[in-house]
Amino acid sequence: HDICGEASRPKDTFAVTAEKFRQQMEYLHHNGFVGVSLAKMIAEHEYWREEESKGPKQIVDSRKKVVLTFDDGNLSDYNVAFPILRELGFSATFFVTINEIGKEHRMDWSMVYELSRNNMDIGSHGMVHTFLTAYSNYTLLNELLMSKQILEKYTRKRVDFLSIPQGFYNKRILTIAKDVGF
């Protein structure tokens, strides 16, 4: 969830130092992993599944892949993670919270767009970072649809993925998310 400087040790288990993040990415790179976005992983999976359905042949994709995702739209995603990912030829998916964009310690719209232009996928983390299970159907529909439309407008790309804030969900949330196009 966050990458911090060595002087400001990680506050929680969802954060790492910049040095540790670099070490982790270099480990993956030197051990033959390719960092891919969520969209690319799913697209490749669909391709190989279709190829296998065409008949009996040995289809092997020997590349080792890892899907890298980042939640919240933290400034460190852009200032620390992005340069390292780009240097190593990795892509990733960044889930941003619309109402946090441009706030202190968060990315601004130019940064979100720059990620999108440079082989990184942008996904929704909602309009506000709150429990979706507390919302009425109407409010939930609005929350998800608006976040998707705003991201698509600013990135000029389709946004297919949602990272549910706080991780609490139910069947109703999944149904509405699918209905709006996630």
N, C-alpha and C. Protein backbone atom coordinates (compact mmCIF):
# COMPACT_ATOMS: atom_id res chain seq x y z
N HIS A 1 0.80 -1.21 0.00
CA HIS A 1 0.00 0.00 0.00
C HIS A 1 0.84 1.27 0.00
N ASP A 2 2.06 1.19 0.46
CA ASP A 2 2.88 2.40 0.49
C ASP A 2 4.36 2.01 0.47
N ILE A 3 5.15 2.89 -0.10
CA ILE A 3 6.59 2.71 -0.11
C ILE A 3 7.15 3.96 0.56
N CYS A 4 7.93 3.75 1.60
CA CYS A 4 8.42 4.89 2.36
C CYS A 4 9.95 4.92 2.38
N GLY A 5 10.48 6.06 2.77
CA GLY A 5 11.92 6.22 2.90
C GLY A 5 12.44 5.46 4.11
N GLU A 6 13.73 5.20 4.12
CA GLU A 6 14.34 4.46 5.23
C GLU A 6 14.14 5.16 6.57
N ALA A 7 14.17 6.50 6.54
CA ALA A 7 14.04 7.27 7.78
C ALA A 7 12.64 7.15 8.38
N SER A 8 11.66 6.99 7.53
CA SER A 8 10.28 6.85 8.02
C SER A 8 9.85 5.40 7.86
N ARG A 9 10.32 4.58 8.74
CA ARG A 9 10.03 3.15 8.73
C ARG A 9 8.56 2.88 8.43
N PRO A 10 8.27 1.76 7.77
CA PRO A 10 6.87 1.44 7.46
C PRO A 10 5.98 1.48 8.70
N LYS A 11 4.83 2.11 8.53
CA LYS A 11 3.88 2.28 9.63
C LYS A 11 3.10 1.00 9.91
N ASP A 12 2.92 0.20 8.88
CA ASP A 12 2.12 -1.01 9.06
C ASP A 12 2.65 -2.11 8.14
N THR A 13 2.00 -3.23 8.18
CA THR A 13 2.45 -4.37 7.40
C THR A 13 2.17 -4.22 5.91
N PHE A 14 1.46 -3.19 5.51
CA PHE A 14 1.15 -2.97 4.10
C PHE A 14 2.11 -1.99 3.46
N ALA A 15 3.23 -1.70 4.10
CA ALA A 15 4.21 -0.75 3.56
C ALA A 15 5.60 -1.36 3.61
N VAL A 16 6.44 -0.93 2.67
CA VAL A 16 7.84 -1.34 2.64
C VAL A 16 8.70 -0.11 2.39
N THR A 17 9.96 -0.22 2.70
CA THR A 17 10.87 0.87 2.39
C THR A 17 11.18 0.84 0.90
N ALA A 18 11.64 1.96 0.37
CA ALA A 18 12.02 2.04 -1.04
C ALA A 18 13.13 1.04 -1.35
N GLU A 19 14.08 0.92 -0.45
CA GLU A 19 15.19 -0.02 -0.64
C GLU A 19 14.68 -1.46 -0.71
N LYS A 20 13.77 -1.81 0.18
CA LYS A 20 13.22 -3.17 0.20
C LYS A 20 12.40 -3.44 -1.07
N PHE A 21 11.64 -2.45 -1.50
CA PHE A 21 10.85 -2.61 -2.73
C PHE A 21 11.78 -2.86 -3.91
N ARG A 22 12.84 -2.08 -4.03
CA ARG A 22 13.80 -2.27 -5.11
C ARG A 22 14.40 -3.68 -5.04
N GLN A 23 14.77 -4.12 -3.85
CA GLN A 23 15.34 -5.47 -3.69
C GLN A 23 14.35 -6.54 -4.15
N GLN A 24 13.08 -6.37 -3.78
CA GLN A 24 12.06 -7.34 -4.17
C GLN A 24 11.89 -7.39 -5.69
N MET A 25 11.84 -6.23 -6.33
CA MET A 25 11.67 -6.18 -7.78
C MET A 25 12.90 -6.71 -8.50
N GLU A 26 14.09 -6.41 -7.99
CA GLU A 26 15.31 -6.93 -8.60
C GLU A 26 15.40 -8.45 -8.44
N TYR A 27 14.96 -8.96 -7.31
CA TYR A 27 14.92 -10.41 -7.10
C TYR A 27 14.03 -11.06 -8.18
N LEU A 28 12.83 -10.50 -8.36
CA LEU A 28 11.94 -11.04 -9.38
C LEU A 28 12.58 -10.98 -10.76
N HIS A 29 13.13 -9.84 -11.09
CA HIS A 29 13.75 -9.64 -12.40
C HIS A 29 14.91 -10.63 -12.63
N HIS A 30 15.80 -10.75 -11.67
CA HIS A 30 16.97 -11.62 -11.81
C HIS A 30 16.61 -13.10 -11.78
N ASN A 31 15.43 -13.42 -11.31
CA ASN A 31 14.99 -14.81 -11.28
C ASN A 31 14.00 -15.13 -12.39
N GLY A 32 13.99 -14.30 -13.43
CA GLY A 32 13.24 -14.60 -14.64
C GLY A 32 11.77 -14.26 -14.63
N PHE A 33 11.32 -13.49 -13.65
CA PHE A 33 9.91 -13.11 -13.62
C PHE A 33 9.67 -11.89 -14.50
N VAL A 34 8.49 -11.84 -15.06
CA VAL A 34 8.03 -10.69 -15.82
C VAL A 34 6.88 -10.07 -15.03
N GLY A 35 6.97 -8.79 -14.72
CA GLY A 35 5.89 -8.10 -14.02
C GLY A 35 4.85 -7.66 -15.03
N VAL A 36 3.63 -8.14 -14.87
CA VAL A 36 2.56 -7.82 -15.83
C VAL A 36 1.37 -7.22 -15.09
N SER A 37 0.60 -6.48 -15.86
CA SER A 37 -0.62 -5.90 -15.29
C SER A 37 -1.68 -6.99 -15.17
N LEU A 38 -2.69 -6.71 -14.40
CA LEU A 38 -3.80 -7.63 -14.24
C LEU A 38 -4.48 -7.90 -15.58
N ALA A 39 -4.67 -6.84 -16.38
CA ALA A 39 -5.32 -6.98 -17.69
C ALA A 39 -4.51 -7.90 -18.61
N LYS A 40 -3.20 -7.73 -18.61
CA LYS A 40 -2.35 -8.55 -19.48
C LYS A 40 -2.38 -10.01 -19.05
N MET A 41 -2.36 -10.25 -17.74
CA MET A 41 -2.40 -11.63 -17.26
C MET A 41 -3.71 -12.31 -17.68
N ILE A 42 -4.80 -11.61 -17.54
CA ILE A 42 -6.10 -12.19 -17.90
C ILE A 42 -6.18 -12.40 -19.41
N ALA A 43 -5.71 -11.43 -20.20
CA ALA A 43 -5.73 -11.57 -21.65
C ALA A 43 -4.89 -12.76 -22.10
N GLU A 44 -3.71 -12.93 -21.51
CA GLU A 44 -2.86 -14.07 -21.86
C GLU A 44 -3.51 -15.39 -21.45
N HIS A 45 -4.12 -15.39 -20.29
CA HIS A 45 -4.80 -16.61 -19.83
C HIS A 45 -5.90 -16.99 -20.81
N GLU A 46 -6.69 -16.02 -21.25
CA GLU A 46 -7.77 -16.28 -22.22
C GLU A 46 -7.21 -16.79 -23.54
N TYR A 47 -6.11 -16.20 -24.00
CA TYR A 47 -5.48 -16.62 -25.25
C TYR A 47 -5.05 -18.08 -25.17
N TRP A 48 -4.32 -18.42 -24.09
CA TRP A 48 -3.82 -19.79 -23.98
C TRP A 48 -4.95 -20.79 -23.81
N ARG A 49 -6.01 -20.39 -23.13
CA ARG A 49 -7.16 -21.29 -22.98
C ARG A 49 -7.81 -21.56 -24.33
N GLU A 50 -7.90 -20.52 -25.16
CA GLU A 50 -8.49 -20.71 -26.49
C GLU A 50 -7.58 -21.57 -27.37
N GLU A 51 -6.28 -21.35 -27.28
CA GLU A 51 -5.34 -22.17 -28.06
C GLU A 51 -5.46 -23.64 -27.67
N GLU A 52 -5.57 -23.91 -26.39
CA GLU A 52 -5.70 -25.29 -25.92
C GLU A 52 -6.98 -25.93 -26.42
N SER A 53 -8.04 -25.13 -26.57
CA SER A 53 -9.33 -25.67 -27.01
C SER A 53 -9.34 -26.01 -28.50
N LYS A 54 -8.35 -25.55 -29.25
CA LYS A 54 -8.30 -25.80 -30.69
C LYS A 54 -7.82 -27.20 -31.03
N GLY A 55 -7.34 -27.89 -30.07
CA GLY A 55 -6.91 -29.26 -30.37
C GLY A 55 -5.71 -29.67 -29.57
N PRO A 56 -5.37 -30.94 -29.68
CA PRO A 56 -4.26 -31.47 -28.90
C PRO A 56 -2.90 -31.04 -29.46
N LYS A 57 -2.30 -30.13 -28.80
CA LYS A 57 -0.92 -29.75 -29.09
C LYS A 57 -0.30 -29.25 -27.80
N GLN A 58 0.94 -29.35 -27.75
CA GLN A 58 1.66 -28.95 -26.54
C GLN A 58 1.83 -27.43 -26.55
N ILE A 59 1.11 -26.74 -25.69
CA ILE A 59 1.23 -25.29 -25.61
C ILE A 59 1.86 -24.96 -24.27
N VAL A 60 2.99 -24.29 -24.36
CA VAL A 60 3.72 -23.97 -23.14
C VAL A 60 4.09 -22.49 -23.16
N ASP A 61 3.75 -21.82 -22.12
CA ASP A 61 4.22 -20.45 -21.92
C ASP A 61 5.14 -20.53 -20.71
N SER A 62 6.43 -20.53 -20.98
CA SER A 62 7.39 -20.80 -19.91
C SER A 62 7.77 -19.56 -19.11
N ARG A 63 7.29 -18.40 -19.51
CA ARG A 63 7.65 -17.20 -18.76
C ARG A 63 7.00 -17.24 -17.38
N LYS A 64 7.75 -16.84 -16.39
CA LYS A 64 7.21 -16.73 -15.03
C LYS A 64 6.66 -15.31 -14.90
N LYS A 65 5.42 -15.21 -14.47
CA LYS A 65 4.79 -13.90 -14.39
C LYS A 65 4.35 -13.60 -12.96
N VAL A 66 4.38 -12.32 -12.65
CA VAL A 66 3.86 -11.86 -11.37
C VAL A 66 2.99 -10.64 -11.66
N VAL A 67 1.83 -10.60 -11.03
CA VAL A 67 0.93 -9.45 -11.15
C VAL A 67 1.20 -8.52 -9.98
N LEU A 68 1.54 -7.29 -10.29
CA LEU A 68 1.84 -6.29 -9.27
C LEU A 68 0.70 -5.29 -9.23
N THR A 69 0.16 -5.07 -8.03
CA THR A 69 -0.92 -4.09 -7.87
C THR A 69 -0.60 -3.14 -6.72
N PHE A 70 -1.10 -1.93 -6.86
CA PHE A 70 -0.89 -0.89 -5.86
C PHE A 70 -2.24 -0.24 -5.59
N ASP A 71 -2.59 -0.08 -4.33
CA ASP A 71 -3.86 0.55 -3.96
C ASP A 71 -3.64 1.97 -3.46
N ASP A 72 -4.67 2.77 -3.60
CA ASP A 72 -4.83 4.08 -2.98
C ASP A 72 -4.34 5.27 -3.80
N GLY A 73 -3.36 5.09 -4.69
CA GLY A 73 -2.85 6.23 -5.45
C GLY A 73 -1.84 7.06 -4.68
N ASN A 74 -1.03 6.40 -3.87
CA ASN A 74 -0.01 7.10 -3.10
C ASN A 74 1.06 7.72 -4.00
N LEU A 75 1.60 8.83 -3.56
CA LEU A 75 2.65 9.51 -4.29
C LEU A 75 3.86 8.60 -4.50
N SER A 76 4.13 7.74 -3.54
CA SER A 76 5.26 6.81 -3.67
C SER A 76 5.06 5.82 -4.82
N ASP A 77 3.82 5.57 -5.21
CA ASP A 77 3.57 4.71 -6.37
C ASP A 77 4.23 5.31 -7.61
N TYR A 78 4.11 6.62 -7.73
CA TYR A 78 4.65 7.32 -8.88
C TYR A 78 6.14 7.63 -8.72
N ASN A 79 6.53 8.14 -7.56
CA ASN A 79 7.92 8.58 -7.36
C ASN A 79 8.91 7.45 -7.13
N VAL A 80 8.45 6.34 -6.57
CA VAL A 80 9.37 5.24 -6.25
C VAL A 80 9.08 4.00 -7.10
N ALA A 81 7.87 3.50 -7.04
CA ALA A 81 7.55 2.24 -7.72
C ALA A 81 7.66 2.37 -9.24
N PHE A 82 7.05 3.39 -9.80
CA PHE A 82 7.01 3.55 -11.25
C PHE A 82 8.40 3.56 -11.89
N PRO A 83 9.36 4.36 -11.41
CA PRO A 83 10.69 4.34 -12.04
C PRO A 83 11.38 2.97 -11.95
N ILE A 84 11.20 2.28 -10.85
CA ILE A 84 11.82 0.96 -10.69
C ILE A 84 11.16 -0.03 -11.64
N LEU A 85 9.85 0.00 -11.71
CA LEU A 85 9.13 -0.91 -12.60
C LEU A 85 9.54 -0.67 -14.05
N ARG A 86 9.60 0.58 -14.44
CA ARG A 86 9.97 0.93 -15.81
C ARG A 86 11.41 0.50 -16.12
N GLU A 87 12.30 0.72 -15.19
CA GLU A 87 13.70 0.33 -15.35
C GLU A 87 13.84 -1.16 -15.59
N LEU A 88 13.03 -1.96 -14.91
CA LEU A 88 13.12 -3.42 -15.01
C LEU A 88 12.20 -4.01 -16.08
N GLY A 89 11.46 -3.14 -16.78
CA GLY A 89 10.57 -3.61 -17.84
C GLY A 89 9.30 -4.24 -17.34
N PHE A 90 8.90 -3.92 -16.12
CA PHE A 90 7.67 -4.46 -15.53
C PHE A 90 6.52 -3.50 -15.79
N SER A 91 5.33 -4.06 -15.82
CA SER A 91 4.13 -3.24 -15.77
C SER A 91 3.36 -3.66 -14.52
N ALA A 92 2.35 -2.88 -14.18
CA ALA A 92 1.58 -3.13 -12.96
C ALA A 92 0.21 -2.49 -13.10
N THR A 93 -0.63 -2.73 -12.12
CA THR A 93 -1.95 -2.11 -12.08
C THR A 93 -2.03 -1.25 -10.83
N PHE A 94 -2.43 0.01 -11.03
CA PHE A 94 -2.54 0.98 -9.94
C PHE A 94 -4.02 1.31 -9.73
N PHE A 95 -4.52 1.01 -8.54
CA PHE A 95 -5.90 1.30 -8.20
C PHE A 95 -5.95 2.62 -7.42
N VAL A 96 -6.62 3.61 -8.01
CA VAL A 96 -6.65 4.94 -7.39
C VAL A 96 -8.04 5.28 -6.87
N THR A 97 -8.04 6.04 -5.80
CA THR A 97 -9.28 6.55 -5.19
C THR A 97 -9.49 7.96 -5.73
N ILE A 98 -10.58 8.17 -6.43
CA ILE A 98 -10.82 9.43 -7.15
C ILE A 98 -10.72 10.65 -6.25
N ASN A 99 -11.42 10.66 -5.13
CA ASN A 99 -11.45 11.85 -4.28
C ASN A 99 -10.14 12.11 -3.53
N GLU A 100 -9.18 11.22 -3.66
CA GLU A 100 -7.86 11.41 -3.04
C GLU A 100 -6.85 11.98 -4.02
N ILE A 101 -7.17 11.95 -5.30
CA ILE A 101 -6.22 12.42 -6.32
C ILE A 101 -5.93 13.90 -6.10
N GLY A 102 -4.63 14.22 -6.05
CA GLY A 102 -4.19 15.60 -5.87
C GLY A 102 -4.04 16.04 -4.42
N LYS A 103 -4.43 15.18 -3.49
CA LYS A 103 -4.25 15.53 -2.08
C LYS A 103 -2.81 15.24 -1.64
N GLU A 104 -2.49 15.71 -0.46
CA GLU A 104 -1.15 15.51 0.08
C GLU A 104 -0.79 14.03 0.11
N HIS A 105 0.41 13.70 -0.35
CA HIS A 105 0.94 12.34 -0.40
C HIS A 105 0.20 11.43 -1.37
N ARG A 106 -0.57 12.02 -2.28
CA ARG A 106 -1.29 11.26 -3.31
C ARG A 106 -0.87 11.75 -4.69
N MET A 107 -1.05 10.89 -5.68
CA MET A 107 -0.76 11.29 -7.05
C MET A 107 -1.77 12.33 -7.52
N ASP A 108 -1.34 13.14 -8.51
CA ASP A 108 -2.29 14.04 -9.15
C ASP A 108 -2.67 13.44 -10.51
N TRP A 109 -3.57 14.12 -11.22
CA TRP A 109 -4.07 13.56 -12.47
C TRP A 109 -2.99 13.40 -13.53
N SER A 110 -2.02 14.32 -13.56
CA SER A 110 -0.95 14.18 -14.56
C SER A 110 -0.12 12.92 -14.30
N MET A 111 0.05 12.57 -13.05
CA MET A 111 0.80 11.35 -12.70
C MET A 111 0.02 10.10 -13.08
N VAL A 112 -1.28 10.11 -12.79
CA VAL A 112 -2.13 8.98 -13.16
C VAL A 112 -2.09 8.77 -14.67
N TYR A 113 -2.21 9.87 -15.41
CA TYR A 113 -2.17 9.79 -16.87
C TYR A 113 -0.81 9.30 -17.36
N GLU A 114 0.26 9.77 -16.75
CA GLU A 114 1.61 9.35 -17.13
C GLU A 114 1.80 7.85 -16.91
N LEU A 115 1.29 7.32 -15.82
CA LEU A 115 1.35 5.87 -15.59
C LEU A 115 0.63 5.14 -16.72
N SER A 116 -0.56 5.61 -17.02
CA SER A 116 -1.38 4.99 -18.05
C SER A 116 -0.69 5.01 -19.41
N ARG A 117 -0.03 6.09 -19.73
CA ARG A 117 0.67 6.22 -21.02
C ARG A 117 1.91 5.35 -21.10
N ASN A 118 2.39 4.88 -19.97
CA ASN A 118 3.64 4.12 -19.92
C ASN A 118 3.43 2.66 -19.53
N ASN A 119 2.42 2.05 -20.12
CA ASN A 119 2.22 0.60 -19.98
C ASN A 119 1.78 0.14 -18.60
N MET A 120 1.28 1.07 -17.80
CA MET A 120 0.73 0.70 -16.49
C MET A 120 -0.79 0.79 -16.61
N ASP A 121 -1.49 -0.14 -15.99
CA ASP A 121 -2.95 -0.09 -16.00
C ASP A 121 -3.44 0.68 -14.79
N ILE A 122 -4.55 1.37 -14.99
CA ILE A 122 -5.21 2.11 -13.92
C ILE A 122 -6.54 1.43 -13.64
N GLY A 123 -6.80 1.18 -12.37
CA GLY A 123 -8.07 0.60 -11.95
C GLY A 123 -8.69 1.49 -10.89
N SER A 124 -9.94 1.20 -10.59
CA SER A 124 -10.68 2.00 -9.62
C SER A 124 -10.52 1.43 -8.21
N HIS A 125 -10.39 2.36 -7.27
CA HIS A 125 -10.44 2.02 -5.84
C HIS A 125 -11.60 2.81 -5.22
N GLY A 126 -12.57 3.15 -6.10
CA GLY A 126 -13.77 3.86 -5.67
C GLY A 126 -13.62 5.36 -5.72
N MET A 127 -14.70 6.04 -5.42
CA MET A 127 -14.69 7.50 -5.32
C MET A 127 -14.05 7.93 -4.01
N VAL A 128 -14.48 7.26 -2.94
CA VAL A 128 -13.93 7.52 -1.61
C VAL A 128 -13.49 6.18 -1.03
N HIS A 129 -12.57 6.20 -0.13
CA HIS A 129 -12.01 4.97 0.43
C HIS A 129 -12.83 4.57 1.65
N THR A 130 -13.94 3.87 1.40
CA THR A 130 -14.84 3.52 2.48
C THR A 130 -15.43 2.13 2.26
N PHE A 131 -16.12 1.64 3.27
CA PHE A 131 -16.75 0.32 3.20
C PHE A 131 -17.94 0.35 2.26
N LEU A 132 -17.86 -0.37 1.16
CA LEU A 132 -18.95 -0.40 0.19
C LEU A 132 -20.16 -1.17 0.70
N THR A 133 -19.96 -2.06 1.65
CA THR A 133 -21.07 -2.87 2.16
C THR A 133 -22.12 -2.02 2.87
N ALA A 134 -21.75 -0.81 3.31
CA ALA A 134 -22.70 0.06 4.02
C ALA A 134 -23.60 0.85 3.07
N TYR A 135 -23.29 0.84 1.78
CA TYR A 135 -24.03 1.65 0.82
C TYR A 135 -25.33 1.01 0.38
N SER A 136 -26.31 1.86 0.08
CA SER A 136 -27.54 1.39 -0.57
C SER A 136 -27.17 1.02 -2.01
N ASN A 137 -28.05 0.31 -2.67
CA ASN A 137 -27.79 -0.08 -4.06
C ASN A 137 -27.55 1.15 -4.94
N TYR A 138 -28.36 2.18 -4.77
CA TYR A 138 -28.23 3.39 -5.57
C TYR A 138 -26.88 4.07 -5.33
N THR A 139 -26.50 4.22 -4.09
CA THR A 139 -25.24 4.88 -3.75
C THR A 139 -24.06 4.05 -4.25
N LEU A 140 -24.15 2.74 -4.10
CA LEU A 140 -23.09 1.85 -4.57
C LEU A 140 -22.95 1.93 -6.09
N LEU A 141 -24.07 1.90 -6.79
CA LEU A 141 -24.05 2.02 -8.25
C LEU A 141 -23.38 3.33 -8.67
N ASN A 142 -23.76 4.41 -8.01
CA ASN A 142 -23.19 5.71 -8.33
C ASN A 142 -21.68 5.74 -8.03
N GLU A 143 -21.29 5.21 -6.89
CA GLU A 143 -19.87 5.17 -6.48
C GLU A 143 -19.03 4.45 -7.53
N LEU A 144 -19.47 3.30 -7.95
CA LEU A 144 -18.68 2.49 -8.87
C LEU A 144 -18.71 3.04 -10.29
N LEU A 145 -19.88 3.42 -10.75
CA LEU A 145 -20.02 3.94 -12.11
C LEU A 145 -19.25 5.25 -12.29
N MET A 146 -19.38 6.16 -11.33
CA MET A 146 -18.69 7.45 -11.43
C MET A 146 -17.18 7.26 -11.41
N SER A 147 -16.67 6.40 -10.54
CA SER A 147 -15.22 6.20 -10.48
C SER A 147 -14.71 5.64 -11.80
N LYS A 148 -15.44 4.71 -12.37
CA LYS A 148 -15.05 4.12 -13.65
C LYS A 148 -15.05 5.16 -14.76
N GLN A 149 -16.12 5.93 -14.86
CA GLN A 149 -16.24 6.93 -15.92
C GLN A 149 -15.18 8.03 -15.80
N ILE A 150 -14.92 8.47 -14.61
CA ILE A 150 -13.91 9.53 -14.41
C ILE A 150 -12.53 9.03 -14.78
N LEU A 151 -12.19 7.83 -14.37
CA LEU A 151 -10.88 7.27 -14.72
C LEU A 151 -10.74 7.08 -16.22
N GLU A 152 -11.79 6.61 -16.86
CA GLU A 152 -11.74 6.42 -18.30
C GLU A 152 -11.59 7.75 -19.03
N LYS A 153 -12.22 8.78 -18.52
CA LYS A 153 -12.09 10.10 -19.13
C LYS A 153 -10.65 10.61 -19.04
N TYR A 154 -10.04 10.50 -17.87
CA TYR A 154 -8.71 11.06 -17.67
C TYR A 154 -7.57 10.20 -18.22
N THR A 155 -7.77 8.90 -18.28
CA THR A 155 -6.71 8.03 -18.82
C THR A 155 -6.90 7.79 -20.31
N ARG A 156 -8.10 8.04 -20.80
CA ARG A 156 -8.45 7.80 -22.21
C ARG A 156 -8.34 6.32 -22.55
N LYS A 157 -8.57 5.49 -21.55
CA LYS A 157 -8.54 4.04 -21.73
C LYS A 157 -9.69 3.42 -20.96
N ARG A 158 -10.06 2.22 -21.38
CA ARG A 158 -11.09 1.48 -20.66
C ARG A 158 -10.55 1.05 -19.31
N VAL A 159 -11.37 1.14 -18.29
CA VAL A 159 -11.00 0.71 -16.94
C VAL A 159 -11.88 -0.50 -16.60
N ASP A 160 -11.23 -1.64 -16.44
CA ASP A 160 -11.95 -2.90 -16.24
C ASP A 160 -11.92 -3.44 -14.83
N PHE A 161 -11.02 -2.91 -14.00
CA PHE A 161 -10.80 -3.55 -12.71
C PHE A 161 -11.07 -2.63 -11.54
N LEU A 162 -11.59 -3.23 -10.49
CA LEU A 162 -11.91 -2.55 -9.25
C LEU A 162 -11.21 -3.28 -8.10
N SER A 163 -10.55 -2.52 -7.26
CA SER A 163 -10.03 -3.05 -6.01
C SER A 163 -10.94 -2.49 -4.92
N ILE A 164 -11.66 -3.35 -4.26
CA ILE A 164 -12.67 -2.93 -3.30
C ILE A 164 -11.99 -2.35 -2.06
N PRO A 165 -12.29 -1.08 -1.75
CA PRO A 165 -11.67 -0.46 -0.56
C PRO A 165 -11.96 -1.27 0.71
N GLN A 166 -10.96 -1.41 1.52
CA GLN A 166 -11.02 -2.15 2.78
C GLN A 166 -11.16 -3.66 2.59
N GLY A 167 -11.48 -4.11 1.38
CA GLY A 167 -11.57 -5.53 1.10
C GLY A 167 -12.86 -6.23 1.52
N PHE A 168 -13.80 -5.49 2.09
CA PHE A 168 -15.06 -6.11 2.51
C PHE A 168 -16.08 -6.02 1.38
N TYR A 169 -16.61 -7.16 1.00
CA TYR A 169 -17.58 -7.20 -0.10
C TYR A 169 -18.58 -8.31 0.12
N ASN A 170 -19.60 -8.28 -0.69
CA ASN A 170 -20.61 -9.33 -0.68
C ASN A 170 -21.10 -9.54 -2.12
N LYS A 171 -22.03 -10.44 -2.29
CA LYS A 171 -22.52 -10.76 -3.64
C LYS A 171 -23.15 -9.54 -4.31
N ARG A 172 -23.83 -8.71 -3.55
CA ARG A 172 -24.47 -7.51 -4.09
C ARG A 172 -23.43 -6.57 -4.70
N ILE A 173 -22.32 -6.37 -4.02
CA ILE A 173 -21.26 -5.50 -4.52
C ILE A 173 -20.67 -6.09 -5.80
N LEU A 174 -20.42 -7.39 -5.81
CA LEU A 174 -19.86 -8.03 -7.00
C LEU A 174 -20.82 -7.92 -8.19
N THR A 175 -22.11 -8.09 -7.94
CA THR A 175 -23.10 -8.00 -9.00
C THR A 175 -23.15 -6.59 -9.59
N ILE A 176 -23.20 -5.58 -8.73
CA ILE A 176 -23.27 -4.19 -9.20
C ILE A 176 -21.96 -3.81 -9.90
N ALA A 177 -20.84 -4.25 -9.39
CA ALA A 177 -19.55 -3.97 -10.03
C ALA A 177 -19.52 -4.56 -11.44
N LYS A 178 -20.00 -5.77 -11.56
CA LYS A 178 -20.06 -6.40 -12.89
C LYS A 178 -21.03 -5.66 -13.79
N ASP A 179 -22.17 -5.23 -13.25
CA ASP A 179 -23.17 -4.53 -14.04
C ASP A 179 -22.66 -3.21 -14.62
N VAL A 180 -21.76 -2.52 -13.90
CA VAL A 180 -21.23 -1.26 -14.41
C VAL A 180 -20.01 -1.47 -15.31
N GLY A 181 -19.54 -2.69 -15.43
CA GLY A 181 -18.48 -2.98 -16.38
C GLY A 181 -17.14 -3.37 -15.78
N PHE A 182 -17.08 -3.62 -14.50
CA PHE A 182 -15.83 -4.12 -13.92
C PHE A 182 -15.78 -5.62 -14.06
